[in-house]
Every structure is written in structure tokens, then in C-alpha cells.
N, C-alpha and C. Protein backbone atom coordinates (compact mmCIF):
# COMPACT_ATOMS: atom_id res chain seq x y z
N MET A 1 3.82 16.56 17.87
CA MET A 1 2.47 16.16 17.56
C MET A 1 2.51 14.79 16.88
N GLU A 2 1.58 13.94 17.22
CA GLU A 2 1.51 12.60 16.64
C GLU A 2 1.02 12.66 15.20
N ASP A 3 1.42 11.67 14.39
CA ASP A 3 1.04 11.64 12.98
C ASP A 3 -0.48 11.66 12.80
N ARG A 4 -1.20 10.89 13.60
CA ARG A 4 -2.66 10.84 13.43
C ARG A 4 -3.28 12.21 13.68
N GLU A 5 -2.68 13.00 14.58
CA GLU A 5 -3.18 14.35 14.84
C GLU A 5 -2.89 15.28 13.66
N ILE A 6 -1.72 15.09 13.04
CA ILE A 6 -1.38 15.89 11.86
C ILE A 6 -2.33 15.55 10.72
N VAL A 7 -2.58 14.25 10.51
CA VAL A 7 -3.50 13.83 9.46
C VAL A 7 -4.89 14.41 9.71
N ALA A 8 -5.32 14.42 10.97
CA ALA A 8 -6.63 15.00 11.31
C ALA A 8 -6.66 16.49 10.95
N LEU A 9 -5.54 17.20 11.13
CA LEU A 9 -5.49 18.61 10.74
C LEU A 9 -5.67 18.77 9.22
N TYR A 10 -5.03 17.87 8.45
CA TYR A 10 -5.21 17.92 7.00
C TYR A 10 -6.68 17.73 6.64
N TRP A 11 -7.31 16.73 7.26
CA TRP A 11 -8.71 16.45 6.95
C TRP A 11 -9.63 17.58 7.41
N ALA A 12 -9.23 18.31 8.44
CA ALA A 12 -10.02 19.45 8.91
C ALA A 12 -9.69 20.71 8.09
N ARG A 13 -8.75 20.58 7.13
CA ARG A 13 -8.30 21.69 6.30
C ARG A 13 -7.72 22.83 7.15
N ASP A 14 -7.00 22.44 8.19
CA ASP A 14 -6.36 23.38 9.10
C ASP A 14 -4.93 23.60 8.61
N GLU A 15 -4.57 24.84 8.34
CA GLU A 15 -3.25 25.15 7.79
C GLU A 15 -2.10 24.78 8.72
N ARG A 16 -2.39 24.58 10.00
CA ARG A 16 -1.34 24.14 10.93
C ARG A 16 -0.77 22.79 10.52
N ALA A 17 -1.52 22.02 9.72
CA ALA A 17 -1.06 20.70 9.28
C ALA A 17 0.28 20.83 8.54
N ILE A 18 0.38 21.82 7.68
CA ILE A 18 1.62 21.99 6.92
C ILE A 18 2.77 22.40 7.83
N ALA A 19 2.52 23.31 8.75
CA ALA A 19 3.57 23.73 9.68
C ALA A 19 4.03 22.56 10.56
N GLU A 20 3.09 21.76 11.02
CA GLU A 20 3.44 20.59 11.84
C GLU A 20 4.22 19.56 11.02
N THR A 21 3.81 19.36 9.78
CA THR A 21 4.51 18.43 8.89
C THR A 21 5.92 18.92 8.64
N GLU A 22 6.05 20.21 8.36
CA GLU A 22 7.37 20.82 8.13
C GLU A 22 8.27 20.64 9.35
N GLY A 23 7.73 20.90 10.52
CA GLY A 23 8.53 20.79 11.74
C GLY A 23 8.98 19.37 12.02
N LYS A 24 8.11 18.42 11.77
CA LYS A 24 8.43 17.03 12.10
C LYS A 24 9.19 16.31 10.99
N TYR A 25 8.85 16.59 9.72
CA TYR A 25 9.41 15.82 8.62
C TYR A 25 10.18 16.62 7.58
N GLY A 26 10.27 17.93 7.74
CA GLY A 26 10.98 18.75 6.78
C GLY A 26 12.42 18.32 6.55
N PRO A 27 13.23 18.16 7.62
CA PRO A 27 14.63 17.76 7.41
C PRO A 27 14.76 16.41 6.70
N PHE A 28 13.94 15.44 7.09
CA PHE A 28 13.97 14.12 6.44
C PHE A 28 13.66 14.25 4.95
N CYS A 29 12.59 14.97 4.62
CA CYS A 29 12.17 15.09 3.23
C CYS A 29 13.20 15.85 2.39
N ARG A 30 13.78 16.91 2.96
CA ARG A 30 14.80 17.66 2.23
C ARG A 30 16.04 16.80 1.98
N SER A 31 16.44 16.05 2.99
CA SER A 31 17.61 15.17 2.85
C SER A 31 17.37 14.14 1.76
N LEU A 32 16.21 13.54 1.76
CA LEU A 32 15.87 12.55 0.74
C LEU A 32 15.91 13.17 -0.65
N ALA A 33 15.29 14.31 -0.82
CA ALA A 33 15.27 14.98 -2.13
C ALA A 33 16.68 15.40 -2.56
N ARG A 34 17.48 15.92 -1.62
CA ARG A 34 18.86 16.33 -1.95
C ARG A 34 19.69 15.12 -2.36
N ASN A 35 19.50 13.98 -1.67
CA ASN A 35 20.25 12.77 -2.04
C ASN A 35 19.95 12.35 -3.47
N LEU A 36 18.72 12.51 -3.88
CA LEU A 36 18.32 12.09 -5.22
C LEU A 36 18.66 13.11 -6.29
N LEU A 37 18.57 14.40 -5.94
CA LEU A 37 18.73 15.45 -6.94
C LEU A 37 20.08 16.15 -6.91
N GLY A 38 20.70 16.22 -5.75
CA GLY A 38 21.97 16.91 -5.64
C GLY A 38 21.85 18.43 -5.62
N SER A 39 20.65 18.94 -5.70
CA SER A 39 20.45 20.38 -5.76
C SER A 39 19.53 20.82 -4.61
N PRO A 40 20.03 21.69 -3.72
CA PRO A 40 19.18 22.16 -2.62
C PRO A 40 17.92 22.89 -3.11
N GLU A 41 18.06 23.64 -4.22
CA GLU A 41 16.91 24.38 -4.74
C GLU A 41 15.84 23.42 -5.25
N ASP A 42 16.26 22.41 -6.03
CA ASP A 42 15.30 21.43 -6.54
C ASP A 42 14.70 20.62 -5.39
N ALA A 43 15.52 20.31 -4.40
CA ALA A 43 15.04 19.57 -3.23
C ALA A 43 13.96 20.36 -2.52
N GLU A 44 14.18 21.65 -2.36
CA GLU A 44 13.20 22.51 -1.69
C GLU A 44 11.88 22.53 -2.45
N GLU A 45 11.95 22.59 -3.77
CA GLU A 45 10.73 22.58 -4.57
C GLU A 45 10.00 21.25 -4.45
N CYS A 46 10.74 20.15 -4.41
CA CYS A 46 10.11 18.83 -4.24
C CYS A 46 9.38 18.74 -2.90
N VAL A 47 10.00 19.27 -1.87
CA VAL A 47 9.38 19.23 -0.55
C VAL A 47 8.13 20.12 -0.53
N SER A 48 8.22 21.29 -1.13
CA SER A 48 7.04 22.16 -1.21
C SER A 48 5.92 21.47 -1.98
N ASP A 49 6.27 20.80 -3.07
CA ASP A 49 5.27 20.05 -3.83
C ASP A 49 4.67 18.93 -2.99
N ALA A 50 5.48 18.31 -2.16
CA ALA A 50 4.97 17.23 -1.28
C ALA A 50 3.97 17.78 -0.28
N TRP A 51 4.25 18.97 0.28
CA TRP A 51 3.31 19.57 1.22
C TRP A 51 1.99 19.88 0.50
N MET A 52 2.10 20.36 -0.73
CA MET A 52 0.90 20.67 -1.51
C MET A 52 0.12 19.39 -1.80
N GLU A 53 0.82 18.34 -2.15
CA GLU A 53 0.15 17.07 -2.42
C GLU A 53 -0.52 16.53 -1.15
N ALA A 54 0.15 16.67 -0.02
CA ALA A 54 -0.45 16.23 1.25
C ALA A 54 -1.73 17.03 1.51
N TRP A 55 -1.69 18.33 1.25
CA TRP A 55 -2.85 19.18 1.47
C TRP A 55 -4.00 18.80 0.53
N ASN A 56 -3.66 18.53 -0.73
CA ASN A 56 -4.69 18.27 -1.73
C ASN A 56 -5.18 16.83 -1.77
N SER A 57 -4.38 15.90 -1.28
CA SER A 57 -4.79 14.50 -1.49
C SER A 57 -4.39 13.57 -0.35
N MET A 58 -4.53 14.02 0.88
CA MET A 58 -4.26 13.12 2.01
C MET A 58 -5.14 11.89 1.81
N PRO A 59 -4.55 10.69 1.83
CA PRO A 59 -5.33 9.49 1.52
C PRO A 59 -6.51 9.27 2.46
N GLU A 60 -7.56 8.70 1.90
CA GLU A 60 -8.76 8.42 2.69
C GLU A 60 -8.49 7.45 3.82
N GLU A 61 -7.53 6.54 3.61
CA GLU A 61 -7.24 5.57 4.66
C GLU A 61 -6.48 6.19 5.83
N ARG A 62 -6.18 7.48 5.74
CA ARG A 62 -5.52 8.24 6.81
C ARG A 62 -4.34 7.48 7.40
N PRO A 63 -3.18 7.61 6.78
CA PRO A 63 -2.02 6.83 7.22
C PRO A 63 -1.67 7.07 8.69
N ASP A 64 -1.35 5.99 9.39
CA ASP A 64 -0.92 6.09 10.78
C ASP A 64 0.49 6.67 10.88
N LEU A 65 1.30 6.39 9.84
CA LEU A 65 2.68 6.87 9.81
C LEU A 65 2.85 7.76 8.58
N LEU A 66 3.17 9.01 8.82
CA LEU A 66 3.34 9.95 7.70
C LEU A 66 4.71 9.83 7.03
N ARG A 67 5.74 9.47 7.79
CA ARG A 67 7.09 9.44 7.23
C ARG A 67 7.18 8.60 5.95
N PRO A 68 6.71 7.33 5.94
CA PRO A 68 6.81 6.56 4.70
C PRO A 68 5.97 7.15 3.56
N TRP A 69 4.78 7.66 3.89
CA TRP A 69 3.92 8.24 2.86
C TRP A 69 4.58 9.48 2.26
N LEU A 70 5.08 10.36 3.12
CA LEU A 70 5.76 11.56 2.64
C LEU A 70 7.03 11.21 1.88
N GLY A 71 7.77 10.21 2.37
CA GLY A 71 8.98 9.78 1.68
C GLY A 71 8.69 9.33 0.26
N ARG A 72 7.59 8.60 0.09
CA ARG A 72 7.20 8.13 -1.25
C ARG A 72 6.85 9.32 -2.14
N VAL A 73 6.08 10.26 -1.60
CA VAL A 73 5.69 11.45 -2.38
C VAL A 73 6.93 12.24 -2.79
N VAL A 74 7.82 12.49 -1.85
CA VAL A 74 9.04 13.26 -2.16
C VAL A 74 9.89 12.52 -3.18
N ARG A 75 10.05 11.21 -3.01
CA ARG A 75 10.87 10.41 -3.94
C ARG A 75 10.30 10.49 -5.35
N LEU A 76 8.99 10.30 -5.49
CA LEU A 76 8.37 10.37 -6.83
C LEU A 76 8.51 11.77 -7.42
N ASN A 77 8.34 12.81 -6.61
CA ASN A 77 8.54 14.18 -7.08
C ASN A 77 9.99 14.38 -7.55
N ALA A 78 10.94 13.86 -6.77
CA ALA A 78 12.35 14.03 -7.11
C ALA A 78 12.69 13.29 -8.41
N ILE A 79 12.17 12.11 -8.57
CA ILE A 79 12.43 11.36 -9.81
C ILE A 79 11.85 12.10 -11.01
N ASP A 80 10.63 12.61 -10.88
CA ASP A 80 10.02 13.38 -11.97
C ASP A 80 10.84 14.63 -12.28
N ARG A 81 11.28 15.34 -11.24
CA ARG A 81 12.07 16.56 -11.44
C ARG A 81 13.41 16.22 -12.08
N TRP A 82 14.04 15.14 -11.63
CA TRP A 82 15.33 14.76 -12.20
C TRP A 82 15.18 14.45 -13.67
N ARG A 83 14.15 13.67 -14.01
CA ARG A 83 13.93 13.33 -15.42
C ARG A 83 13.66 14.58 -16.24
N SER A 84 12.89 15.48 -15.70
CA SER A 84 12.59 16.73 -16.40
C SER A 84 13.87 17.55 -16.62
N ASN A 85 14.71 17.61 -15.60
CA ASN A 85 15.95 18.39 -15.69
C ASN A 85 16.99 17.75 -16.61
N HIS A 86 16.90 16.43 -16.81
CA HIS A 86 17.97 15.73 -17.52
C HIS A 86 17.49 14.97 -18.74
N ARG A 87 16.48 15.46 -19.38
CA ARG A 87 16.04 14.81 -20.60
C ARG A 87 17.21 14.73 -21.57
N GLN A 88 17.33 13.62 -22.24
CA GLN A 88 18.38 13.40 -23.24
C GLN A 88 19.78 13.32 -22.65
N LYS A 89 19.93 13.39 -21.31
CA LYS A 89 21.25 13.34 -20.69
C LYS A 89 21.27 12.20 -19.71
N ARG A 90 22.47 11.74 -19.35
CA ARG A 90 22.57 10.73 -18.31
C ARG A 90 23.72 11.09 -17.39
N PHE A 91 23.40 11.29 -16.13
CA PHE A 91 24.37 11.61 -15.10
C PHE A 91 24.20 10.60 -13.99
N GLY A 92 25.15 10.56 -13.05
CA GLY A 92 24.96 9.73 -11.86
C GLY A 92 23.84 10.32 -11.03
N GLY A 93 23.22 9.50 -10.24
CA GLY A 93 22.14 9.99 -9.39
C GLY A 93 20.94 9.10 -9.45
N VAL A 94 19.77 9.69 -9.44
CA VAL A 94 18.53 8.92 -9.36
C VAL A 94 18.38 7.98 -10.55
N GLU A 95 18.82 8.39 -11.73
CA GLU A 95 18.71 7.53 -12.90
C GLU A 95 19.50 6.23 -12.68
N ASP A 96 20.67 6.35 -12.07
CA ASP A 96 21.44 5.16 -11.78
C ASP A 96 20.70 4.24 -10.82
N LEU A 97 20.04 4.82 -9.81
CA LEU A 97 19.26 4.00 -8.87
C LEU A 97 18.14 3.27 -9.60
N VAL A 98 17.44 3.99 -10.47
CA VAL A 98 16.35 3.38 -11.23
C VAL A 98 16.89 2.26 -12.11
N LEU A 99 18.00 2.52 -12.78
CA LEU A 99 18.58 1.49 -13.64
C LEU A 99 19.05 0.28 -12.85
N GLU A 100 19.60 0.50 -11.66
CA GLU A 100 20.06 -0.62 -10.84
C GLU A 100 18.90 -1.54 -10.46
N LEU A 101 17.75 -0.96 -10.14
CA LEU A 101 16.61 -1.75 -9.69
C LEU A 101 15.69 -2.22 -10.83
N GLU A 102 15.88 -1.68 -12.01
CA GLU A 102 14.97 -1.96 -13.11
C GLU A 102 14.89 -3.44 -13.46
N ASP A 103 15.97 -4.19 -13.28
CA ASP A 103 15.96 -5.61 -13.62
C ASP A 103 15.27 -6.48 -12.58
N CYS A 104 15.00 -5.95 -11.39
CA CYS A 104 14.38 -6.81 -10.38
C CYS A 104 13.05 -6.30 -9.86
N VAL A 105 12.61 -5.12 -10.26
CA VAL A 105 11.31 -4.62 -9.84
C VAL A 105 10.57 -4.15 -11.09
N PRO A 106 9.36 -4.65 -11.33
CA PRO A 106 8.61 -4.26 -12.52
C PRO A 106 8.23 -2.79 -12.50
N ALA A 107 8.08 -2.21 -13.68
CA ALA A 107 7.70 -0.80 -13.80
C ALA A 107 6.26 -0.60 -13.36
N SER A 108 5.97 0.61 -12.88
CA SER A 108 4.61 0.90 -12.45
C SER A 108 3.80 1.43 -13.64
N SER A 109 2.49 1.58 -13.41
CA SER A 109 1.61 2.04 -14.47
C SER A 109 0.34 2.61 -13.85
N ASP A 110 -0.47 3.31 -14.64
CA ASP A 110 -1.73 3.85 -14.15
C ASP A 110 -2.87 2.85 -14.25
N ASP A 111 -2.62 1.69 -14.81
CA ASP A 111 -3.63 0.65 -14.96
C ASP A 111 -4.08 0.14 -13.59
N PRO A 112 -5.41 0.05 -13.33
CA PRO A 112 -5.90 -0.41 -12.02
C PRO A 112 -5.39 -1.80 -11.64
N GLN A 113 -5.33 -2.71 -12.62
CA GLN A 113 -4.80 -4.05 -12.32
C GLN A 113 -3.35 -3.94 -11.88
N ARG A 114 -2.62 -3.07 -12.55
CA ARG A 114 -1.20 -2.89 -12.19
C ARG A 114 -1.09 -2.26 -10.80
N ALA A 115 -2.04 -1.39 -10.43
CA ALA A 115 -2.03 -0.79 -9.08
C ALA A 115 -2.19 -1.87 -8.02
N LEU A 116 -3.07 -2.83 -8.27
CA LEU A 116 -3.25 -3.94 -7.34
C LEU A 116 -1.97 -4.76 -7.24
N GLU A 117 -1.36 -5.03 -8.38
CA GLU A 117 -0.10 -5.77 -8.38
C GLU A 117 0.98 -5.00 -7.63
N THR A 118 0.97 -3.68 -7.75
CA THR A 118 1.96 -2.85 -7.06
C THR A 118 1.79 -2.96 -5.56
N SER A 119 0.55 -2.98 -5.07
CA SER A 119 0.35 -3.13 -3.62
C SER A 119 0.80 -4.52 -3.17
N GLU A 120 0.58 -5.53 -4.00
CA GLU A 120 1.07 -6.88 -3.68
C GLU A 120 2.60 -6.89 -3.68
N LEU A 121 3.19 -6.19 -4.63
CA LEU A 121 4.64 -6.08 -4.70
C LEU A 121 5.18 -5.42 -3.44
N GLY A 122 4.49 -4.39 -2.96
CA GLY A 122 4.91 -3.73 -1.72
C GLY A 122 4.96 -4.70 -0.55
N GLU A 123 3.94 -5.54 -0.46
CA GLU A 123 3.91 -6.54 0.62
C GLU A 123 5.04 -7.54 0.47
N LEU A 124 5.31 -7.98 -0.75
CA LEU A 124 6.41 -8.91 -0.98
C LEU A 124 7.75 -8.26 -0.61
N LEU A 125 7.92 -6.98 -0.96
CA LEU A 125 9.16 -6.28 -0.62
C LEU A 125 9.32 -6.18 0.90
N ARG A 126 8.22 -5.89 1.60
CA ARG A 126 8.29 -5.82 3.07
C ARG A 126 8.74 -7.17 3.64
N ARG A 127 8.17 -8.25 3.11
CA ARG A 127 8.57 -9.58 3.60
C ARG A 127 10.03 -9.88 3.29
N TRP A 128 10.45 -9.53 2.08
CA TRP A 128 11.84 -9.79 1.69
C TRP A 128 12.80 -8.99 2.57
N LEU A 129 12.48 -7.72 2.77
CA LEU A 129 13.33 -6.89 3.62
C LEU A 129 13.36 -7.42 5.06
N GLY A 130 12.23 -7.90 5.54
CA GLY A 130 12.15 -8.45 6.90
C GLY A 130 13.00 -9.70 7.08
N ALA A 131 13.22 -10.43 5.98
CA ALA A 131 14.01 -11.65 6.05
C ALA A 131 15.52 -11.38 5.96
N LEU A 132 15.89 -10.17 5.57
CA LEU A 132 17.31 -9.83 5.47
C LEU A 132 17.89 -9.60 6.86
N GLY A 133 19.19 -9.72 6.94
CA GLY A 133 19.88 -9.34 8.17
C GLY A 133 19.79 -7.83 8.35
N GLU A 134 19.99 -7.37 9.57
CA GLU A 134 19.84 -5.94 9.86
C GLU A 134 20.76 -5.08 9.00
N GLU A 135 22.02 -5.49 8.85
CA GLU A 135 22.97 -4.68 8.08
C GLU A 135 22.59 -4.61 6.60
N GLU A 136 22.21 -5.76 6.00
CA GLU A 136 21.80 -5.76 4.60
C GLU A 136 20.56 -4.91 4.39
N ARG A 137 19.57 -5.04 5.28
CA ARG A 137 18.35 -4.26 5.18
C ARG A 137 18.66 -2.76 5.27
N ARG A 138 19.50 -2.40 6.23
CA ARG A 138 19.86 -0.99 6.42
C ARG A 138 20.55 -0.44 5.17
N LEU A 139 21.51 -1.19 4.62
CA LEU A 139 22.21 -0.73 3.42
C LEU A 139 21.27 -0.62 2.22
N PHE A 140 20.41 -1.62 2.05
CA PHE A 140 19.48 -1.61 0.93
C PHE A 140 18.56 -0.40 1.02
N LEU A 141 18.01 -0.15 2.19
CA LEU A 141 17.09 0.98 2.36
C LEU A 141 17.81 2.31 2.20
N ARG A 142 19.01 2.40 2.74
CA ARG A 142 19.73 3.68 2.61
C ARG A 142 20.06 3.97 1.15
N ARG A 143 20.42 2.92 0.41
CA ARG A 143 20.77 3.11 -1.00
C ARG A 143 19.54 3.35 -1.86
N TYR A 144 18.52 2.49 -1.72
CA TYR A 144 17.40 2.53 -2.67
C TYR A 144 16.17 3.26 -2.17
N TRP A 145 16.04 3.48 -0.89
CA TRP A 145 14.91 4.27 -0.38
C TRP A 145 15.36 5.71 -0.16
N ASN A 146 16.50 5.88 0.52
CA ASN A 146 16.99 7.23 0.81
C ASN A 146 17.82 7.81 -0.33
N GLY A 147 18.24 6.96 -1.28
CA GLY A 147 19.00 7.45 -2.43
C GLY A 147 20.40 7.90 -2.09
N GLU A 148 20.98 7.34 -1.03
CA GLU A 148 22.33 7.77 -0.63
C GLU A 148 23.37 7.26 -1.62
N ALA A 149 24.38 8.06 -1.83
CA ALA A 149 25.44 7.74 -2.79
C ALA A 149 26.24 6.52 -2.33
N LEU A 150 26.59 5.69 -3.28
CA LEU A 150 27.35 4.48 -3.01
C LEU A 150 28.68 4.81 -2.34
N ASN A 151 29.37 5.83 -2.83
CA ASN A 151 30.68 6.19 -2.27
C ASN A 151 30.57 6.62 -0.80
N ALA A 152 29.53 7.39 -0.48
CA ALA A 152 29.34 7.83 0.90
C ALA A 152 29.02 6.64 1.81
N LEU A 153 28.18 5.74 1.33
CA LEU A 153 27.87 4.54 2.12
C LEU A 153 29.12 3.69 2.33
N ALA A 154 29.90 3.53 1.27
CA ALA A 154 31.12 2.72 1.36
C ALA A 154 32.08 3.33 2.38
N ALA A 155 32.21 4.65 2.36
CA ALA A 155 33.11 5.30 3.31
C ALA A 155 32.63 5.06 4.74
N GLU A 156 31.33 5.16 4.98
CA GLU A 156 30.79 4.93 6.32
C GLU A 156 30.98 3.48 6.76
N GLU A 157 30.87 2.56 5.81
CA GLU A 157 31.01 1.14 6.12
C GLU A 157 32.49 0.71 6.16
N ARG A 158 33.34 1.63 5.75
CA ARG A 158 34.79 1.37 5.72
C ARG A 158 35.15 0.20 4.82
N ILE A 159 34.49 0.19 3.64
CA ILE A 159 34.83 -0.78 2.60
C ILE A 159 34.96 -0.01 1.29
N SER A 160 35.53 -0.65 0.30
CA SER A 160 35.71 0.04 -0.97
C SER A 160 34.36 0.18 -1.68
N PRO A 161 34.22 1.22 -2.49
CA PRO A 161 32.98 1.36 -3.26
C PRO A 161 32.71 0.14 -4.14
N ALA A 162 33.77 -0.44 -4.70
CA ALA A 162 33.59 -1.62 -5.55
C ALA A 162 33.03 -2.80 -4.75
N ALA A 163 33.52 -2.98 -3.53
CA ALA A 163 33.02 -4.07 -2.69
C ALA A 163 31.56 -3.84 -2.31
N LEU A 164 31.21 -2.60 -2.01
CA LEU A 164 29.82 -2.31 -1.68
C LEU A 164 28.93 -2.45 -2.91
N ALA A 165 29.42 -2.02 -4.06
CA ALA A 165 28.64 -2.17 -5.30
C ALA A 165 28.36 -3.65 -5.56
N GLN A 166 29.34 -4.50 -5.34
CA GLN A 166 29.15 -5.94 -5.52
C GLN A 166 28.13 -6.47 -4.52
N ARG A 167 28.20 -6.01 -3.32
CA ARG A 167 27.25 -6.43 -2.28
C ARG A 167 25.82 -6.01 -2.65
N MET A 168 25.68 -4.78 -3.14
CA MET A 168 24.36 -4.30 -3.54
C MET A 168 23.85 -5.08 -4.75
N HIS A 169 24.77 -5.44 -5.65
CA HIS A 169 24.39 -6.26 -6.81
C HIS A 169 23.85 -7.62 -6.35
N ARG A 170 24.53 -8.23 -5.40
CA ARG A 170 24.05 -9.52 -4.88
C ARG A 170 22.69 -9.38 -4.21
N LEU A 171 22.47 -8.29 -3.49
CA LEU A 171 21.15 -8.05 -2.88
C LEU A 171 20.08 -7.90 -3.96
N ARG A 172 20.38 -7.18 -5.03
CA ARG A 172 19.39 -7.03 -6.11
C ARG A 172 19.09 -8.38 -6.76
N LEU A 173 20.12 -9.22 -6.92
CA LEU A 173 19.88 -10.55 -7.49
C LEU A 173 19.01 -11.39 -6.56
N LYS A 174 19.25 -11.28 -5.25
CA LYS A 174 18.40 -11.99 -4.28
C LYS A 174 16.96 -11.52 -4.39
N LEU A 175 16.78 -10.21 -4.50
CA LEU A 175 15.43 -9.65 -4.62
C LEU A 175 14.77 -10.15 -5.89
N LYS A 176 15.49 -10.12 -6.98
CA LYS A 176 14.93 -10.59 -8.25
C LYS A 176 14.52 -12.05 -8.16
N SER A 177 15.38 -12.86 -7.60
CA SER A 177 15.08 -14.29 -7.45
C SER A 177 13.85 -14.50 -6.57
N TYR A 178 13.77 -13.78 -5.46
CA TYR A 178 12.64 -13.89 -4.56
C TYR A 178 11.34 -13.51 -5.27
N LEU A 179 11.35 -12.39 -5.98
CA LEU A 179 10.14 -11.95 -6.67
C LEU A 179 9.72 -12.94 -7.74
N GLU A 180 10.68 -13.49 -8.47
CA GLU A 180 10.35 -14.49 -9.48
C GLU A 180 9.73 -15.73 -8.84
N LYS A 181 10.26 -16.16 -7.69
CA LYS A 181 9.69 -17.32 -6.99
C LYS A 181 8.27 -17.03 -6.53
N GLU A 182 7.96 -15.76 -6.25
CA GLU A 182 6.63 -15.36 -5.79
C GLU A 182 5.68 -15.09 -6.96
N GLY A 183 6.18 -15.30 -8.18
CA GLY A 183 5.31 -15.15 -9.36
C GLY A 183 5.25 -13.76 -9.95
N ILE A 184 6.17 -12.91 -9.58
CA ILE A 184 6.22 -11.56 -10.17
C ILE A 184 7.04 -11.64 -11.44
N THR A 185 6.41 -11.27 -12.55
CA THR A 185 7.10 -11.29 -13.84
C THR A 185 7.85 -10.00 -14.06
N LEU A 186 9.06 -10.14 -14.50
CA LEU A 186 9.90 -8.95 -14.68
C LEU A 186 10.09 -8.66 -16.16
């Protein structure tokens, strides 16, 4: 079923919307949540929460592509769950991803002005990613969008984790420099 048809089911309050979403995007969403949380049980709860959020708040603009919208919902749920599970503690995982990007992407907020800036930031990120080479873009997205572990990526790329970490560091510096040139204050 096409995404626009699934979105129409949500708007019609047809329960088939959840089943169709599960069938088409369940594995992707679970993989994303597991990459960030490391726990299949927590990942399952994040995905269930994402289905509930889709049911309760499908955006009025009716997204043409559900995968990025669902990915964002699952990622935010996973980050919240990770923080809740690890208060006062620091382990590898999503916190490391947040810390890696914290120097080059400004924090979000509930302020309406900040929401506008966030949408502008999204457009700048799309442009920056579009200007990268295919391999750099793929690595950046797998690391920071999908939350894949550095060691697993390094093994797939057949380079050392240290070399890949350095490469990712250079990409973050490029992103920071680009955003600063575009007037984004960090």
C-alpha cells in the first residue's frame, strides 16, 4: 500500500492504518530503535508508542513519505526512553551520538521561534547532505540517523574504528562550519 493511502486510513480513523504501517515500516522502526537502545523490549515499546503517536497526531500536512516521519518519531521516543533508563549514568549508545553532534547542531526547544529555526535547520541539513559524496552521506546517515554503532560500520567499511571515528569527526566539523557560514549560532 502506498504511503498516501496509509495516511488516508489514519485520517479516516481506520484501524487498518496501524496494520499497514506495521507491515511496511515495522522492521525499519524496530531496527532503528534497537540500534539506539540496544534492547529489543525497549525497541518494541518505542515502536508501539510511534504507532500510537501516528494514530493520535498524524500531521495535517499529510506526509507523502511516512518512513522519514516515522523514523523521527521512533528516534525521539528512543532518545527519551534511553534518557529515562539511564538517568545519572553514562553508557555508550544514543547519548554518545547526541554528544557527538551537540557541538554542531543547536538544541531544540518548544519555543515557536525555535521551531521555525528548526525547520530552517532541516533544510540546511538537507542541502549539506546533498553536497556530500555518496559514501560520506551514507556513513553520516547510518551513524547519526540510524544510530548504527561505529564498530559495526567500521567492520563493514573494512577500516579501523579509529579511522572511521576520525572521518566522522571531520564530517561533523564540516557540518559545523557550514551551519556557521549559514548563520546558525551554536
